[in-house]
Amino acid sequence: MEIDGEHIEFSESHGNNPLFNRFKHLPHKSKSQFPRVAYVLQGGGSLGAYQFGVVKGLCEAGYEPDWVAATSIGAIQAAIIVGNPPAKRIEKLTQFWDRIAPPSMIDYLGKNDATIDIYNQLSAFSAFMFGQPHFFYPRWFEGTSPPFTLSFYDTAPLRETLIELVDFDLLNSCPIRLSLGAVQNLSGHLIYFNNINYIIRPEHVMASAALPPGFPAVDVDGQLYWDGAIHSNTPLEVILEAIPPENTLCFLIDCFGGQPFIPSDLDEVRARMEDISYGTHAQRCLLNYLERQRRYHAIKELGKLLTKEQRKQHADLLNVPNPHHCTIVHMAYHERFVRSATKDFNFGKMMIDRRINSGFADVQSLLVKQTEWGVVPKKGESRLYECSENHTSLLRKYDVSPMEL
């Protein structure tokens, strides 16, 4: 078979994708480039517009992904990215947001700071009552076929949107890895649908974005799945623990950020709770990963100081995995256009555009400091670069110097 002009021979498949072996025959990049560029796309509903702005900026700057790991709204955008050629990705993502968040008669309210709160409330109320076109609509009665009707909304329109915007044949044959996080209903386990082994269909994407009780469970090969955000809203582990390890430039795009605040009403209590619930998981995961890599490096170095007899005597203690070398660029949505629990349910056109522009602007600021994160480290150490716009205090709490880990 031909992929990008190169003839590939395939052996027996590990899953149901006969092209699983394609990732073993990819051309090598130059030494100045990271062998692997990865995107990690969180869930966050309409906050995913920020992700699109970041992806647009990164692609225009030449940071095309080799791997995309995602869940929820991130899974939908990831499928569009991987399921289209580079020249079409931004166009298709634009079409997606234009379809699910079209202009409305009240958009003029979103252009004025004096009326923007009213605009946000009306936009969220509209989504709550009527759904969003080409995405989901209200389920006015439970129906007769549970568990597929046990939800407030029906996501049947999303399937048609995916079929129109995603070339699934390309998604399952191209040399870009795709990992979609979903939770198996019965076992409660977080699993990843990977195009490295399996044929990805619209149902896999919808399963990764099936957040209950708003959206129904999705049947994939006889098993019911829910949104991966139930277990982990940041599918970072699949990149950090990848086998084989590879020197990776990983862009972690966090939908929940912003300046911390003390809530002044119950709505803000729920909004702040979401920030903490969804945002701090990524930070804890980063800290655990970097600390683990530092220990692996230390054990390897200490092993070199031992005699042959000592290494044999302490072989069980020295038997640690080879460190994964990953430069993690953490970007977090930091604007406070909406301080409300409905912020991820606000699909108002003006708000979507502002979030897209915010993500794109953050990339421009990031690129100014490209020499600090965009160069392959000579020692192969794992590193964390926190974008200047991020407002997280977790790293400061633990007195971590990110770029030195």
Protein backbone atom coordinates (compact mmCIF):
# COMPACT_ATOMS: atom_id res chain seq x y z
CA MET A 1 0.00 0.00 0.00
CA GLU A 2 1.13 3.57 -0.68
CA ILE A 3 1.15 6.22 2.08
CA ASP A 4 2.57 9.62 1.07
CA GLY A 5 4.33 7.96 -1.85
CA GLU A 6 6.05 5.32 0.29
CA HIS A 7 5.27 1.62 -0.06
CA ILE A 8 4.40 0.01 3.28
CA GLU A 9 4.22 -3.70 4.03
CA PHE A 10 1.81 -4.78 6.75
CA SER A 11 1.91 -7.81 8.97
CA GLU A 12 -0.86 -9.27 11.12
CA SER A 13 -2.91 -6.55 12.82
CA HIS A 14 -3.00 -6.19 16.63
CA GLY A 15 -6.55 -4.84 16.36
CA ASN A 16 -8.95 -4.38 13.49
CA ASN A 17 -6.88 -1.80 11.59
CA PRO A 18 -4.83 -3.52 8.87
CA LEU A 19 -2.62 -0.41 8.66
CA PHE A 20 -1.40 -0.61 12.26
CA ASN A 21 2.20 -1.09 11.13
CA ARG A 22 2.37 2.28 9.36
CA PHE A 23 3.85 4.05 12.38
CA LYS A 24 6.96 1.88 12.21
CA HIS A 25 7.93 3.28 8.81
CA LEU A 26 7.71 7.03 9.31
CA PRO A 27 10.55 9.19 7.95
CA HIS A 28 12.98 10.56 10.52
CA LYS A 29 12.99 14.27 11.32
CA SER A 30 16.11 16.42 11.40
CA LYS A 31 18.11 16.58 14.65
CA SER A 32 16.95 20.14 15.26
CA GLN A 33 13.30 19.03 15.33
CA PHE A 34 11.47 17.14 18.04
CA PRO A 35 10.87 13.58 16.78
CA ARG A 36 7.31 13.84 18.12
CA VAL A 37 4.96 16.82 18.47
CA ALA A 38 1.83 16.11 20.50
CA TYR A 39 -1.36 17.99 21.30
CA VAL A 40 -3.37 17.21 24.44
CA LEU A 41 -6.91 18.60 24.15
CA GLN A 42 -9.13 18.72 27.23
CA GLY A 43 -12.86 18.67 27.54
CA GLY A 44 -14.67 21.91 28.25
CA GLY A 45 -17.73 22.29 26.03
CA SER A 46 -17.82 25.70 24.40
CA LEU A 47 -14.50 26.54 26.08
CA GLY A 48 -13.00 24.29 23.41
CA ALA A 49 -13.07 27.34 21.14
CA TYR A 50 -9.90 28.43 22.97
CA GLN A 51 -8.29 25.15 21.86
CA PHE A 52 -9.13 25.94 18.27
CA GLY A 53 -7.41 29.32 18.54
CA VAL A 54 -4.29 27.65 19.95
CA VAL A 55 -4.29 24.91 17.31
CA LYS A 56 -4.69 27.52 14.57
CA GLY A 57 -1.71 29.45 15.87
CA LEU A 58 0.46 26.35 16.29
CA CYS A 59 -0.31 25.02 12.81
CA GLU A 60 0.41 28.37 11.21
CA ALA A 61 3.74 28.40 13.09
CA GLY A 62 4.66 24.98 11.68
CA TYR A 63 4.01 22.85 14.78
CA GLU A 64 1.93 20.21 13.05
CA PRO A 65 1.03 17.30 15.36
CA ASP A 66 2.33 13.75 15.15
CA TRP A 67 -0.03 12.67 17.91
CA VAL A 68 -3.27 14.09 19.33
CA ALA A 69 -4.73 12.84 22.62
CA ALA A 70 -8.12 14.22 23.56
CA THR A 71 -11.46 13.85 25.26
CA SER A 72 -14.91 15.46 25.03
CA ILE A 73 -14.96 18.63 22.87
CA GLY A 74 -11.24 18.02 22.41
CA ALA A 75 -12.01 14.61 20.90
CA ILE A 76 -14.30 16.17 18.31
CA GLN A 77 -11.66 18.71 17.31
CA ALA A 78 -8.94 16.05 17.37
CA ALA A 79 -10.90 13.91 14.90
CA ILE A 80 -11.24 16.91 12.59
CA ILE A 81 -7.50 17.62 12.84
CA VAL A 82 -6.39 14.06 12.16
CA GLY A 83 -9.17 13.37 9.66
CA ASN A 84 -8.16 16.15 7.28
CA PRO A 85 -4.98 17.03 5.37
CA PRO A 86 -2.96 19.93 6.84
CA ALA A 87 -4.25 22.41 4.26
CA LYS A 88 -7.87 21.71 5.25
CA ARG A 89 -7.68 21.46 9.06
CA ILE A 90 -8.28 25.09 9.99
CA GLU A 91 -11.00 25.41 7.36
CA LYS A 92 -12.85 22.37 8.74
CA LEU A 93 -12.47 23.47 12.36
CA THR A 94 -13.83 26.87 11.39
CA GLN A 95 -16.79 25.19 9.73
CA PHE A 96 -17.42 23.15 12.87
CA TRP A 97 -17.65 26.19 15.14
CA ASP A 98 -19.63 28.17 12.56
CA ARG A 99 -22.17 25.35 12.39
CA ILE A 100 -22.67 24.70 16.08
CA ALA A 101 -22.44 28.38 17.13
CA PRO A 102 -24.05 30.42 14.33
CA PRO A 103 -24.85 34.15 14.58
CA SER A 104 -28.02 35.16 16.40
CA MET A 105 -30.22 38.23 16.81
CA ILE A 106 -28.77 38.99 20.24
CA ASP A 107 -25.11 39.11 19.19
CA TYR A 108 -25.10 42.90 19.40
CA LEU A 109 -25.36 42.50 23.19
CA GLY A 110 -22.04 40.68 23.22
CA LYS A 111 -20.18 43.62 21.71
CA ASN A 112 -20.77 45.94 24.64
CA ASP A 113 -19.24 45.47 28.10
CA ALA A 114 -22.39 46.92 29.65
CA THR A 115 -24.60 44.18 28.17
CA ILE A 116 -22.20 41.24 27.89
CA ASP A 117 -23.47 39.59 31.09
CA ILE A 118 -27.00 39.65 29.70
CA TYR A 119 -25.68 38.21 26.43
CA ASN A 120 -23.92 35.39 28.25
CA GLN A 121 -27.02 34.50 30.25
CA LEU A 122 -29.25 34.47 27.17
CA SER A 123 -26.75 32.42 25.14
CA ALA A 124 -26.44 29.78 27.85
CA PHE A 125 -30.23 29.72 28.33
CA SER A 126 -30.70 29.20 24.59
CA ALA A 127 -28.34 26.21 24.59
CA PHE A 128 -30.04 24.83 27.68
CA MET A 129 -33.54 25.10 26.23
CA PHE A 130 -33.00 24.47 22.52
CA GLY A 131 -29.56 22.86 22.16
CA GLN A 132 -27.07 23.79 19.45
CA PRO A 133 -27.54 23.16 15.71
CA HIS A 134 -25.56 20.28 14.22
CA PHE A 135 -24.55 19.22 17.74
CA PHE A 136 -27.37 18.34 20.15
CA TYR A 137 -31.04 19.06 20.81
CA PRO A 138 -33.28 18.58 23.88
CA ARG A 139 -34.83 15.22 24.60
CA TRP A 140 -38.33 16.09 25.73
CA PHE A 141 -39.18 12.58 26.90
CA GLU A 142 -37.10 9.63 28.02
CA GLY A 143 -38.01 7.33 25.16
CA THR A 144 -38.43 3.59 25.05
CA SER A 145 -34.88 2.33 24.55
CA PRO A 146 -32.71 3.10 27.57
CA PRO A 147 -29.80 3.45 28.20
CA PHE A 148 -29.43 5.25 24.86
CA THR A 149 -32.18 7.71 25.75
CA LEU A 150 -31.15 8.37 29.35
CA SER A 151 -29.96 11.93 28.84
CA PHE A 152 -31.21 15.48 28.66
CA TYR A 153 -30.08 15.88 25.05
CA ASP A 154 -29.85 13.85 21.87
CA THR A 155 -26.49 13.98 20.04
CA ALA A 156 -27.68 12.45 16.76
CA PRO A 157 -26.82 15.70 14.88
CA LEU A 158 -23.19 15.38 16.00
CA ARG A 159 -22.81 12.13 14.09
CA GLU A 160 -23.87 13.80 10.85
CA THR A 161 -21.50 16.69 11.53
CA LEU A 162 -18.59 14.31 12.07
CA ILE A 163 -19.34 12.42 8.87
CA GLU A 164 -19.38 15.69 6.91
CA LEU A 165 -16.24 17.22 8.43
CA VAL A 166 -14.01 14.18 9.04
CA ASP A 167 -12.46 11.89 6.45
CA PHE A 168 -12.43 8.71 8.52
CA ASP A 169 -10.53 6.77 5.87
CA LEU A 170 -7.73 9.32 6.15
CA LEU A 171 -7.97 9.36 9.95
CA ASN A 172 -7.40 5.59 10.04
CA SER A 173 -4.58 5.49 7.51
CA CYS A 174 -2.55 8.68 8.04
CA PRO A 175 0.71 8.72 10.05
CA ILE A 176 -0.77 10.83 12.88
CA ARG A 177 -1.67 8.99 16.06
CA LEU A 178 -5.05 9.69 17.61
CA SER A 179 -6.00 8.69 21.16
CA LEU A 180 -9.53 9.37 22.38
CA GLY A 181 -10.28 8.88 26.08
CA ALA A 182 -13.58 7.28 27.10
CA VAL A 183 -14.91 5.56 30.21
CA GLN A 184 -16.38 2.08 29.93
CA ASN A 185 -19.75 2.19 31.65
CA LEU A 186 -19.71 -1.22 33.37
CA SER A 187 -16.07 -1.43 34.46
CA GLY A 188 -15.52 2.29 35.07
CA HIS A 189 -12.14 2.00 33.38
CA LEU A 190 -10.64 4.79 31.31
CA ILE A 191 -9.69 3.40 27.92
CA TYR A 192 -8.22 4.99 24.81
CA PHE A 193 -9.49 4.45 21.30
CA ASN A 194 -6.26 4.55 19.28
CA ASN A 195 -6.08 4.67 15.50
CA ILE A 196 -2.70 2.98 15.77
CA ASN A 197 -4.54 -0.35 16.10
CA TYR A 198 -8.24 0.21 15.65
CA ILE A 199 -10.54 1.60 13.02
CA ILE A 200 -12.00 4.79 14.48
CA ARG A 201 -15.64 5.52 13.56
CA PRO A 202 -17.96 8.42 14.47
CA GLU A 203 -19.19 6.38 17.44
CA HIS A 204 -15.72 6.38 19.02
CA VAL A 205 -15.57 10.17 18.85
CA MET A 206 -19.11 10.54 20.19
CA ALA A 207 -18.35 8.13 23.04
CA SER A 208 -15.40 10.26 24.10
CA ALA A 209 -17.74 13.29 24.15
CA ALA A 210 -20.73 11.64 25.86
CA LEU A 211 -20.79 13.53 29.15
CA PRO A 212 -23.72 12.34 31.30
CA PRO A 213 -26.39 13.16 32.18
CA GLY A 214 -26.44 15.74 29.40
CA PHE A 215 -25.44 13.32 26.66
CA PRO A 216 -26.32 9.62 26.36
CA ALA A 217 -23.94 6.68 26.56
CA VAL A 218 -22.66 5.46 23.20
CA ASP A 219 -22.43 1.83 22.11
CA VAL A 220 -19.06 0.85 20.67
CA ASP A 221 -18.75 -2.81 19.73
CA GLY A 222 -21.31 -3.92 22.31
CA GLN A 223 -19.97 -1.84 25.22
CA LEU A 224 -21.39 1.42 26.54
CA TYR A 225 -19.05 4.39 26.96
CA TRP A 226 -19.21 7.82 28.53
CA ASP A 227 -17.04 10.91 28.22
CA GLY A 228 -13.44 10.36 29.31
CA ALA A 229 -13.65 13.53 31.41
CA ILE A 230 -15.50 11.54 34.07
CA HIS A 231 -12.20 9.85 34.85
CA SER A 232 -9.65 12.32 33.50
CA ASN A 233 -10.34 15.56 31.70
CA THR A 234 -6.67 15.78 30.71
CA PRO A 235 -5.60 12.72 28.68
CA LEU A 236 -1.94 13.47 29.28
CA GLU A 237 -0.80 10.10 30.61
CA VAL A 238 -1.14 8.37 27.25
CA ILE A 239 1.51 10.74 25.84
CA LEU A 240 3.83 10.74 28.85
CA GLU A 241 3.84 6.97 29.24
CA ALA A 242 4.12 6.20 25.53
CA ILE A 243 6.00 3.11 24.44
CA PRO A 244 8.45 3.37 22.83
CA PRO A 245 9.54 6.59 24.55
CA GLU A 246 10.43 9.47 22.28
CA ASN A 247 11.75 13.00 22.73
CA THR A 248 8.43 14.82 22.60
CA LEU A 249 7.23 18.41 22.40
CA CYS A 250 3.81 18.27 24.04
CA PHE A 251 1.35 21.17 23.94
CA LEU A 252 -1.11 20.76 26.81
CA ILE A 253 -4.08 23.00 26.07
CA ASP A 254 -6.09 23.55 29.24
CA CYS A 255 -9.65 24.89 28.96
CA PHE A 256 -10.06 25.70 32.64
CA GLY A 257 -7.88 28.49 33.94
CA GLY A 258 -8.06 32.14 34.69
CA GLN A 259 -7.23 34.27 37.67
CA PRO A 260 -8.41 32.57 40.90
CA PHE A 261 -11.26 34.37 42.63
CA ILE A 262 -13.40 34.20 45.77
CA PRO A 263 -17.01 33.43 44.69
CA SER A 264 -19.63 36.04 45.48
CA ASP A 265 -22.73 33.91 44.75
CA LEU A 266 -23.71 30.26 44.25
CA ASP A 267 -23.24 30.43 40.49
CA GLU A 268 -19.65 31.54 40.96
CA VAL A 269 -19.19 28.76 43.54
CA ARG A 270 -20.03 26.22 40.84
CA ALA A 271 -17.78 28.01 38.34
CA ARG A 272 -14.82 28.00 40.72
CA MET A 273 -15.49 24.35 41.57
CA GLU A 274 -15.24 23.47 37.86
CA ASP A 275 -11.93 25.30 37.54
CA ILE A 276 -10.49 23.34 40.45
CA SER A 277 -12.02 19.98 39.50
CA TYR A 278 -10.97 20.06 35.85
CA GLY A 279 -7.89 22.26 35.95
CA THR A 280 -5.80 20.97 38.84
CA HIS A 281 -5.77 17.37 37.58
CA ALA A 282 -3.45 18.41 34.76
CA GLN A 283 -1.15 20.19 37.19
CA ARG A 284 -0.93 17.20 39.53
CA CYS A 285 -0.26 14.91 36.59
CA LEU A 286 2.56 17.18 35.41
CA LEU A 287 4.18 17.33 38.84
CA ASN A 288 4.00 13.56 39.31
CA TYR A 289 5.44 12.93 35.87
CA LEU A 290 8.33 15.37 36.23
CA GLU A 291 9.23 14.11 39.69
CA ARG A 292 9.14 10.50 38.49
CA GLN A 293 11.39 11.31 35.53
CA ARG A 294 13.85 13.09 37.80
CA ARG A 295 14.05 10.01 40.01
CA TYR A 296 14.56 7.71 37.04
CA HIS A 297 17.43 9.91 35.87
CA ALA A 298 18.95 9.94 39.37
CA ILE A 299 18.79 6.15 39.70
CA LYS A 300 20.38 5.68 36.28
CA GLU A 301 23.21 8.07 37.18
CA LEU A 302 23.77 6.47 40.58
CA GLY A 303 23.95 3.07 38.91
CA LYS A 304 26.92 4.24 36.88
CA LEU A 305 28.88 4.87 40.10
CA LEU A 306 28.47 1.31 41.33
CA THR A 307 30.81 -1.57 40.65
CA LYS A 308 29.71 -4.44 38.48
CA GLU A 309 29.17 -6.57 41.56
CA GLN A 310 27.13 -3.84 43.27
CA ARG A 311 24.96 -3.36 40.19
CA LYS A 312 24.26 -7.08 40.16
CA GLN A 313 23.48 -7.05 43.89
CA HIS A 314 21.04 -4.15 43.56
CA ALA A 315 19.62 -5.04 40.14
CA ASP A 316 16.03 -4.93 41.43
CA LEU A 317 16.47 -1.36 42.69
CA LEU A 318 18.18 -0.22 39.51
CA ASN A 319 15.53 -1.78 37.28
CA VAL A 320 13.59 1.40 36.43
CA PRO A 321 12.17 2.37 33.02
CA ASN A 322 14.19 4.51 30.69
CA PRO A 323 13.13 8.13 31.28
CA HIS A 324 10.73 9.65 28.78
CA HIS A 325 12.12 12.90 27.48
CA CYS A 326 9.26 15.34 27.12
CA THR A 327 9.13 19.12 26.88
CA ILE A 328 5.64 20.10 28.04
CA VAL A 329 4.26 23.49 27.06
CA HIS A 330 1.27 24.19 29.30
CA MET A 331 -1.27 26.68 27.92
CA ALA A 332 -4.38 27.55 29.91
CA TYR A 333 -7.45 29.57 29.02
CA HIS A 334 -7.12 32.56 31.31
CA GLU A 335 -9.70 35.13 30.18
CA ARG A 336 -12.65 35.84 32.46
CA PHE A 337 -15.24 36.71 29.84
CA VAL A 338 -17.74 34.64 31.83
CA ARG A 339 -17.57 34.00 35.58
CA SER A 340 -20.40 31.53 35.70
CA ALA A 341 -21.02 27.79 35.91
CA THR A 342 -22.62 28.04 32.44
CA LYS A 343 -19.39 29.19 30.81
CA ASP A 344 -18.85 25.79 29.15
CA PHE A 345 -22.48 25.86 27.97
CA ASN A 346 -22.27 29.34 26.44
CA PHE A 347 -22.12 28.94 22.66
CA GLY A 348 -22.86 32.58 21.85
CA LYS A 349 -21.14 33.52 18.59
CA MET A 350 -19.45 36.59 20.10
CA MET A 351 -18.11 34.56 23.01
CA ILE A 352 -16.86 31.75 20.76
CA ASP A 353 -15.00 34.26 18.59
CA ARG A 354 -13.42 35.92 21.63
CA ARG A 355 -12.20 32.56 22.91
CA ILE A 356 -10.74 31.63 19.53
CA ASN A 357 -8.94 34.96 19.36
CA SER A 358 -7.66 34.51 22.92
CA GLY A 359 -6.09 31.15 22.06
CA PHE A 360 -4.51 32.51 18.89
CA ALA A 361 -3.10 35.53 20.76
CA ASP A 362 -1.61 33.27 23.44
CA VAL A 363 0.29 31.35 20.78
CA GLN A 364 1.74 34.59 19.40
CA SER A 365 3.00 35.44 22.89
CA LEU A 366 4.36 31.91 23.25
CA LEU A 367 6.29 32.07 19.98
CA VAL A 368 8.20 35.14 21.17
CA LYS A 369 9.93 32.86 23.71
CA GLN A 370 10.37 29.95 21.35
CA THR A 371 14.07 29.55 22.21
CA GLU A 372 13.09 28.61 25.77
CA TRP A 373 10.94 25.62 24.84
CA GLY A 374 11.18 24.96 21.09
CA VAL A 375 14.69 23.52 21.03
CA VAL A 376 15.45 19.84 21.64
CA PRO A 377 17.27 19.66 25.01
CA LYS A 378 20.84 18.43 24.64
CA LYS A 379 20.69 16.29 27.78
CA GLY A 380 17.27 14.92 26.94
CA GLU A 381 15.79 16.03 30.24
CA SER A 382 12.07 16.42 30.80
CA ARG A 383 10.96 20.03 31.09
CA LEU A 384 7.87 22.10 31.77
CA TYR A 385 7.22 25.51 30.29
CA GLU A 386 4.35 27.41 31.89
CA CYS A 387 3.06 30.12 29.56
CA SER A 388 3.27 33.60 31.02
CA GLU A 389 -0.55 34.01 30.82
CA ASN A 390 -1.18 30.99 33.06
CA HIS A 391 -2.46 31.79 36.54
CA THR A 392 -1.80 28.46 38.25
CA SER A 393 -0.26 28.56 41.73
CA LEU A 394 0.30 24.82 42.12
CA LEU A 395 3.89 24.84 40.87
CA ARG A 396 4.76 27.76 43.10
CA LYS A 397 3.14 25.95 46.03
CA TYR A 398 5.58 23.08 45.66
CA ASP A 399 8.50 25.44 44.97
CA VAL A 400 9.14 23.76 41.63
CA SER A 401 11.51 25.21 39.09
CA PRO A 402 9.81 23.72 36.02
CA MET A 403 12.48 24.09 33.34
CA GLU A 404 15.10 22.44 35.57
CA LEU A 405 13.23 19.19 36.18
